[in-house]
Amino acid sequence: SDHVEVKTARRLSIWKGLTSQKLSLWKKICLKVLQNPVLWAIALGFFISLTTVGKRYLDPGDTKGTFVDGLAWIENTLEWFANTVSPISLFTMGLWMQQQGRELVAISPRELGLFMLSKLVLVPLIMVGLAKAFNFNNEVGRAAVLIATLPISQASFSLGSQYNTGEAIFSANVAMGTFLMTPTVILWNIAMDAVNMYPV
């Protein structure tokens, strides 16, 4: 019985050690995510959009007279960011891809093909189902499907590189997804027009 107790004690000790390591890792990941300014920007955007704060006080087109003139700079700044973020993102992504050189695509063609099939075909199809389920109007539905065809963001690669996880996969997906972005969007527009889905 003493031998069994020793074995049990060892197993418990190993289990506690592994659990402690996992908790420590999750704490680091959560802290890292919470320190991400993108996350806070998204949360702030959701708050302004889903509450009456934005519509009542920040919308210049408000007809109820609650718009605050002194806060017009917020709307102007957000509009400026909205108009510049996409060109800047594409430009910096191009520079990053050029710097990667031969390490840009370091996975097998088969793996890359499966990833592209999933991202450029299956994910947009899932979005079609979600758009139908939530009864999106034509403009929002088409926009949602087209956004789903876009490549994964460079932020995914940055997060993977910080934890040395999936760097080659993220890199290849960003590169090939960016390369195929324009023809993919065109083909999805043609496909949706052909079946009269979300006409605009």
C-alpha atoms as a PDB file:
ATOM      1  CA  SER A   1       0.000   0.000   0.000  1.00  0.00           C
ATOM      2  CA  ASP A   2       2.948   2.303   0.711  1.00  0.00           C
ATOM      3  CA  HIS A   3       4.173   1.782  -2.860  1.00  0.00           C
ATOM      4  CA  VAL A   4       0.746   2.694  -4.237  1.00  0.00           C
ATOM      5  CA  GLU A   5       0.614   5.820  -2.084  1.00  0.00           C
ATOM      6  CA  VAL A   6       4.049   6.910  -3.327  1.00  0.00           C
ATOM      7  CA  LYS A   7       2.960   6.429  -6.941  1.00  0.00           C
ATOM      8  CA  THR A   8      -0.235   8.361  -6.327  1.00  0.00           C
ATOM      9  CA  ALA A   9       1.682  11.184  -4.639  1.00  0.00           C
ATOM     10  CA  ARG A  10       4.086  11.392  -7.578  1.00  0.00           C
ATOM     11  CA  ARG A  11       1.224  11.501 -10.099  1.00  0.00           C
ATOM     12  CA  LEU A  12      -0.504  14.235  -8.118  1.00  0.00           C
ATOM     13  CA  SER A  13       2.729  16.201  -7.941  1.00  0.00           C
ATOM     14  CA  ILE A  14       3.273  15.892 -11.709  1.00  0.00           C
ATOM     15  CA  TRP A  15      -0.370  16.841 -12.395  1.00  0.00           C
ATOM     16  CA  LYS A  16      -0.123  19.905 -10.126  1.00  0.00           C
ATOM     17  CA  GLY A  17       3.108  20.951 -11.845  1.00  0.00           C
ATOM     18  CA  LEU A  18       1.580  20.655 -15.325  1.00  0.00           C
ATOM     19  CA  THR A  19      -1.584  22.461 -14.209  1.00  0.00           C
ATOM     20  CA  SER A  20       0.494  25.260 -12.710  1.00  0.00           C
ATOM     21  CA  GLN A  21       2.490  25.610 -15.939  1.00  0.00           C
ATOM     22  CA  LYS A  22      -0.692  25.719 -18.039  1.00  0.00           C
ATOM     23  CA  LEU A  23      -2.271  28.339 -15.771  1.00  0.00           C
ATOM     24  CA  SER A  24       0.879  30.434 -15.926  1.00  0.00           C
ATOM     25  CA  LEU A  25       0.909  30.206 -19.736  1.00  0.00           C
ATOM     26  CA  TRP A  26      -2.778  31.158 -19.979  1.00  0.00           C
ATOM     27  CA  LYS A  27      -2.208  34.129 -17.671  1.00  0.00           C
ATOM     28  CA  LYS A  28       0.628  35.350 -19.907  1.00  0.00           C
ATOM     29  CA  ILE A  29      -1.512  34.906 -23.021  1.00  0.00           C
ATOM     30  CA  CYS A  30      -4.478  36.742 -21.472  1.00  0.00           C
ATOM     31  CA  LEU A  31      -2.283  39.610 -20.293  1.00  0.00           C
ATOM     32  CA  LYS A  32      -0.697  39.858 -23.730  1.00  0.00           C
ATOM     33  CA  VAL A  33      -4.089  39.924 -25.435  1.00  0.00           C
ATOM     34  CA  LEU A  34      -5.454  42.513 -23.000  1.00  0.00           C
ATOM     35  CA  GLN A  35      -2.447  44.749 -23.728  1.00  0.00           C
ATOM     36  CA  ASN A  36      -3.270  44.708 -27.445  1.00  0.00           C
ATOM     37  CA  PRO A  37      -4.514  48.183 -28.501  1.00  0.00           C
ATOM     38  CA  VAL A  38      -6.455  46.616 -31.388  1.00  0.00           C
ATOM     39  CA  LEU A  39      -8.618  44.723 -28.890  1.00  0.00           C
ATOM     40  CA  TRP A  40      -9.377  47.895 -26.956  1.00  0.00           C
ATOM     41  CA  ALA A  41     -10.173  49.764 -30.167  1.00  0.00           C
ATOM     42  CA  ILE A  42     -12.629  47.033 -31.210  1.00  0.00           C
ATOM     43  CA  ALA A  43     -14.241  47.042 -27.748  1.00  0.00           C
ATOM     44  CA  LEU A  44     -14.594  50.830 -27.858  1.00  0.00           C
ATOM     45  CA  GLY A  45     -16.096  50.624 -31.345  1.00  0.00           C
ATOM     46  CA  PHE A  46     -18.633  48.034 -30.171  1.00  0.00           C
ATOM     47  CA  PHE A  47     -19.530  50.210 -27.180  1.00  0.00           C
ATOM     48  CA  ILE A  48     -20.098  53.306 -29.315  1.00  0.00           C
ATOM     49  CA  SER A  49     -22.048  51.365 -31.950  1.00  0.00           C
ATOM     50  CA  LEU A  50     -24.217  49.226 -29.674  1.00  0.00           C
ATOM     51  CA  THR A  51     -25.120  51.976 -27.213  1.00  0.00           C
ATOM     52  CA  THR A  52     -26.866  55.303 -27.825  1.00  0.00           C
ATOM     53  CA  VAL A  53     -23.707  57.288 -27.057  1.00  0.00           C
ATOM     54  CA  GLY A  54     -22.482  57.412 -30.641  1.00  0.00           C
ATOM     55  CA  LYS A  55     -25.832  58.145 -32.257  1.00  0.00           C
ATOM     56  CA  ARG A  56     -26.920  60.721 -29.692  1.00  0.00           C
ATOM     57  CA  TYR A  57     -23.758  62.746 -29.198  1.00  0.00           C
ATOM     58  CA  LEU A  58     -21.267  61.930 -31.988  1.00  0.00           C
ATOM     59  CA  ASP A  59     -23.419  61.736 -35.143  1.00  0.00           C
ATOM     60  CA  PRO A  60     -23.443  65.056 -37.074  1.00  0.00           C
ATOM     61  CA  GLY A  61     -26.533  63.874 -38.952  1.00  0.00           C
ATOM     62  CA  ASP A  62     -28.558  63.544 -35.756  1.00  0.00           C
ATOM     63  CA  THR A  63     -32.035  65.036 -36.143  1.00  0.00           C
ATOM     64  CA  LYS A  64     -32.915  65.132 -32.438  1.00  0.00           C
ATOM     65  CA  GLY A  65     -30.537  67.962 -31.617  1.00  0.00           C
ATOM     66  CA  THR A  66     -28.388  65.987 -29.171  1.00  0.00           C
ATOM     67  CA  PHE A  67     -25.186  66.170 -31.264  1.00  0.00           C
ATOM     68  CA  VAL A  68     -22.361  67.949 -29.389  1.00  0.00           C
ATOM     69  CA  ASP A  69     -20.470  70.343 -31.694  1.00  0.00           C
ATOM     70  CA  GLY A  70     -17.376  70.189 -29.529  1.00  0.00           C
ATOM     71  CA  LEU A  71     -17.088  66.437 -30.169  1.00  0.00           C
ATOM     72  CA  ALA A  72     -17.128  66.708 -33.975  1.00  0.00           C
ATOM     73  CA  TRP A  73     -13.374  66.057 -34.017  1.00  0.00           C
ATOM     74  CA  ILE A  74     -14.044  62.460 -32.886  1.00  0.00           C
ATOM     75  CA  GLU A  75     -16.202  61.713 -35.937  1.00  0.00           C
ATOM     76  CA  ASN A  76     -13.690  63.444 -38.244  1.00  0.00           C
ATOM     77  CA  THR A  77     -10.743  61.557 -36.748  1.00  0.00           C
ATOM     78  CA  LEU A  78     -12.495  58.182 -36.993  1.00  0.00           C
ATOM     79  CA  GLU A  79     -13.465  58.879 -40.602  1.00  0.00           C
ATOM     80  CA  TRP A  80      -9.853  59.795 -41.407  1.00  0.00           C
ATOM     81  CA  PHE A  81      -8.620  56.565 -39.815  1.00  0.00           C
ATOM     82  CA  ALA A  82     -11.234  54.572 -41.723  1.00  0.00           C
ATOM     83  CA  ASN A  83     -10.042  56.051 -45.030  1.00  0.00           C
ATOM     84  CA  THR A  84      -6.341  55.458 -44.370  1.00  0.00           C
ATOM     85  CA  VAL A  85      -6.118  52.156 -42.501  1.00  0.00           C
ATOM     86  CA  SER A  86      -6.605  49.881 -45.519  1.00  0.00           C
ATOM     87  CA  PRO A  87      -3.993  51.539 -47.801  1.00  0.00           C
ATOM     88  CA  ILE A  88      -1.470  51.707 -44.953  1.00  0.00           C
ATOM     89  CA  SER A  89      -2.098  48.080 -43.996  1.00  0.00           C
ATOM     90  CA  LEU A  90      -1.612  46.877 -47.580  1.00  0.00           C
ATOM     91  CA  PHE A  91       1.558  48.971 -47.965  1.00  0.00           C
ATOM     92  CA  THR A  92       3.141  47.699 -44.737  1.00  0.00           C
ATOM     93  CA  MET A  93       2.116  44.118 -45.557  1.00  0.00           C
ATOM     94  CA  GLY A  94       3.874  44.445 -48.915  1.00  0.00           C
ATOM     95  CA  LEU A  95       7.059  45.645 -47.186  1.00  0.00           C
ATOM     96  CA  TRP A  96       6.863  42.802 -44.680  1.00  0.00           C
ATOM     97  CA  MET A  97       6.398  40.204 -47.446  1.00  0.00           C
ATOM     98  CA  GLN A  98       9.418  41.557 -49.315  1.00  0.00           C
ATOM     99  CA  GLN A  99      11.554  41.301 -46.163  1.00  0.00           C
ATOM    100  CA  GLN A 100      10.647  37.627 -45.637  1.00  0.00           C
ATOM    101  CA  GLY A 101      12.398  36.541 -48.842  1.00  0.00           C
ATOM    102  CA  ARG A 102      12.484  32.771 -49.352  1.00  0.00           C
ATOM    103  CA  GLU A 103      11.034  32.161 -45.884  1.00  0.00           C
ATOM    104  CA  LEU A 104       7.722  33.699 -46.941  1.00  0.00           C
ATOM    105  CA  VAL A 105       6.222  30.310 -47.881  1.00  0.00           C
ATOM    106  CA  ALA A 106       7.795  27.498 -45.859  1.00  0.00           C
ATOM    107  CA  ILE A 107       5.029  24.870 -45.870  1.00  0.00           C
ATOM    108  CA  SER A 108       4.151  22.187 -48.417  1.00  0.00           C
ATOM    109  CA  PRO A 109       1.992  23.084 -51.465  1.00  0.00           C
ATOM    110  CA  ARG A 110      -0.615  20.566 -50.284  1.00  0.00           C
ATOM    111  CA  GLU A 111      -0.946  22.232 -46.875  1.00  0.00           C
ATOM    112  CA  LEU A 112      -1.057  25.667 -48.456  1.00  0.00           C
ATOM    113  CA  GLY A 113      -3.735  24.539 -50.915  1.00  0.00           C
ATOM    114  CA  LEU A 114      -5.915  23.191 -48.098  1.00  0.00           C
ATOM    115  CA  PHE A 115      -5.520  26.391 -46.109  1.00  0.00           C
ATOM    116  CA  MET A 116      -6.469  28.515 -49.137  1.00  0.00           C
ATOM    117  CA  LEU A 117      -9.465  26.291 -49.919  1.00  0.00           C
ATOM    118  CA  SER A 118     -10.648  26.705 -46.350  1.00  0.00           C
ATOM    119  CA  LYS A 119     -10.077  30.475 -46.151  1.00  0.00           C
ATOM    120  CA  LEU A 120     -11.194  31.516 -49.632  1.00  0.00           C
ATOM    121  CA  VAL A 121     -14.081  29.076 -50.185  1.00  0.00           C
ATOM    122  CA  LEU A 122     -15.350  27.429 -46.995  1.00  0.00           C
ATOM    123  CA  VAL A 123     -15.193  30.485 -44.721  1.00  0.00           C
ATOM    124  CA  PRO A 124     -17.143  32.710 -47.182  1.00  0.00           C
ATOM    125  CA  LEU A 125     -19.725  29.914 -47.558  1.00  0.00           C
ATOM    126  CA  ILE A 126     -20.119  29.830 -43.782  1.00  0.00           C
ATOM    127  CA  MET A 127     -20.562  33.601 -43.859  1.00  0.00           C
ATOM    128  CA  VAL A 128     -23.309  33.206 -46.486  1.00  0.00           C
ATOM    129  CA  GLY A 129     -25.146  30.937 -44.061  1.00  0.00           C
ATOM    130  CA  LEU A 130     -24.689  33.377 -41.187  1.00  0.00           C
ATOM    131  CA  ALA A 131     -25.830  36.314 -43.317  1.00  0.00           C
ATOM    132  CA  LYS A 132     -28.949  34.356 -44.265  1.00  0.00           C
ATOM    133  CA  ALA A 133     -29.566  33.324 -40.654  1.00  0.00           C
ATOM    134  CA  PHE A 134     -29.343  36.909 -39.396  1.00  0.00           C
ATOM    135  CA  ASN A 135     -31.355  38.231 -42.348  1.00  0.00           C
ATOM    136  CA  PHE A 136     -28.750  40.772 -43.492  1.00  0.00           C
ATOM    137  CA  ASN A 137     -29.833  43.241 -46.158  1.00  0.00           C
ATOM    138  CA  ASN A 138     -28.200  43.093 -49.601  1.00  0.00           C
ATOM    139  CA  GLU A 139     -25.422  45.586 -48.935  1.00  0.00           C
ATOM    140  CA  VAL A 140     -24.424  44.219 -45.534  1.00  0.00           C
ATOM    141  CA  GLY A 141     -24.713  40.604 -46.709  1.00  0.00           C
ATOM    142  CA  ARG A 142     -22.450  41.115 -49.707  1.00  0.00           C
ATOM    143  CA  ALA A 143     -19.947  43.074 -47.647  1.00  0.00           C
ATOM    144  CA  ALA A 144     -19.842  40.315 -44.998  1.00  0.00           C
ATOM    145  CA  VAL A 145     -19.186  37.615 -47.595  1.00  0.00           C
ATOM    146  CA  LEU A 146     -16.460  39.637 -49.314  1.00  0.00           C
ATOM    147  CA  ILE A 147     -14.781  40.460 -46.006  1.00  0.00           C
ATOM    148  CA  ALA A 148     -14.730  36.743 -45.214  1.00  0.00           C
ATOM    149  CA  THR A 149     -12.697  36.133 -48.401  1.00  0.00           C
ATOM    150  CA  LEU A 150      -9.921  38.510 -47.335  1.00  0.00           C
ATOM    151  CA  PRO A 151      -6.607  37.059 -46.096  1.00  0.00           C
ATOM    152  CA  ILE A 152      -5.873  36.680 -42.411  1.00  0.00           C
ATOM    153  CA  SER A 153      -4.360  39.787 -40.877  1.00  0.00           C
ATOM    154  CA  GLN A 154      -0.690  40.276 -40.166  1.00  0.00           C
ATOM    155  CA  ALA A 155      -1.641  40.517 -36.488  1.00  0.00           C
ATOM    156  CA  SER A 156      -2.147  36.736 -36.520  1.00  0.00           C
ATOM    157  CA  PHE A 157       1.456  36.221 -37.633  1.00  0.00           C
ATOM    158  CA  SER A 158       2.685  38.699 -35.009  1.00  0.00           C
ATOM    159  CA  LEU A 159       0.874  36.822 -32.251  1.00  0.00           C
ATOM    160  CA  GLY A 160       2.205  33.486 -33.505  1.00  0.00           C
ATOM    161  CA  SER A 161       5.772  34.798 -33.672  1.00  0.00           C
ATOM    162  CA  GLN A 162       5.580  36.052 -30.088  1.00  0.00           C
ATOM    163  CA  TYR A 163       4.835  32.536 -28.871  1.00  0.00           C
ATOM    164  CA  ASN A 164       6.834  30.672 -31.548  1.00  0.00           C
ATOM    165  CA  THR A 165       3.678  28.915 -32.735  1.00  0.00           C
ATOM    166  CA  GLY A 166       2.642  28.405 -36.343  1.00  0.00           C
ATOM    167  CA  GLU A 167       4.871  31.126 -37.790  1.00  0.00           C
ATOM    168  CA  ALA A 168       5.405  29.321 -41.098  1.00  0.00           C
ATOM    169  CA  ILE A 169       1.672  28.630 -41.465  1.00  0.00           C
ATOM    170  CA  PHE A 170       0.671  32.230 -40.716  1.00  0.00           C
ATOM    171  CA  SER A 171       3.362  33.598 -43.011  1.00  0.00           C
ATOM    172  CA  ALA A 172       2.288  31.419 -45.944  1.00  0.00           C
ATOM    173  CA  ASN A 173      -1.382  32.214 -45.404  1.00  0.00           C
ATOM    174  CA  VAL A 174      -0.800  35.961 -45.275  1.00  0.00           C
ATOM    175  CA  ALA A 175       1.377  35.852 -48.398  1.00  0.00           C
ATOM    176  CA  MET A 176      -0.784  33.632 -50.586  1.00  0.00           C
ATOM    177  CA  GLY A 177      -4.041  35.129 -49.287  1.00  0.00           C
ATOM    178  CA  THR A 178      -2.818  38.611 -50.187  1.00  0.00           C
ATOM    179  CA  PHE A 179      -1.689  37.416 -53.625  1.00  0.00           C
ATOM    180  CA  LEU A 180      -5.098  35.832 -54.310  1.00  0.00           C
ATOM    181  CA  MET A 181      -7.148  38.589 -52.696  1.00  0.00           C
ATOM    182  CA  THR A 182      -8.121  40.536 -55.840  1.00  0.00           C
ATOM    183  CA  PRO A 183      -9.091  37.549 -58.051  1.00  0.00           C
ATOM    184  CA  THR A 184     -10.954  35.953 -55.133  1.00  0.00           C
ATOM    185  CA  VAL A 185     -13.053  39.063 -54.488  1.00  0.00           C
ATOM    186  CA  ILE A 186     -13.804  39.384 -58.219  1.00  0.00           C
ATOM    187  CA  LEU A 187     -14.842  35.714 -58.505  1.00  0.00           C
ATOM    188  CA  TRP A 188     -17.091  35.907 -55.445  1.00  0.00           C
ATOM    189  CA  ASN A 189     -18.749  39.035 -56.851  1.00  0.00           C
ATOM    190  CA  ILE A 190     -19.338  37.230 -60.148  1.00  0.00           C
ATOM    191  CA  ALA A 191     -20.688  34.140 -58.353  1.00  0.00           C
ATOM    192  CA  MET A 192     -23.099  36.172 -56.223  1.00  0.00           C
ATOM    193  CA  ASP A 193     -24.280  38.122 -59.266  1.00  0.00           C
ATOM    194  CA  ALA A 194     -24.839  34.861 -61.177  1.00  0.00           C
ATOM    195  CA  VAL A 195     -27.222  33.507 -58.524  1.00  0.00           C
ATOM    196  CA  ASN A 196     -28.684  36.927 -57.703  1.00  0.00           C
ATOM    197  CA  MET A 197     -27.400  36.775 -54.146  1.00  0.00           C
ATOM    198  CA  TYR A 198     -27.268  40.105 -52.307  1.00  0.00           C
ATOM    199  CA  PRO A 199     -27.593  42.303 -55.435  1.00  0.00           C
ATOM    200  CA  VAL A 200     -26.249  45.819 -55.038  1.00  0.00           C
END
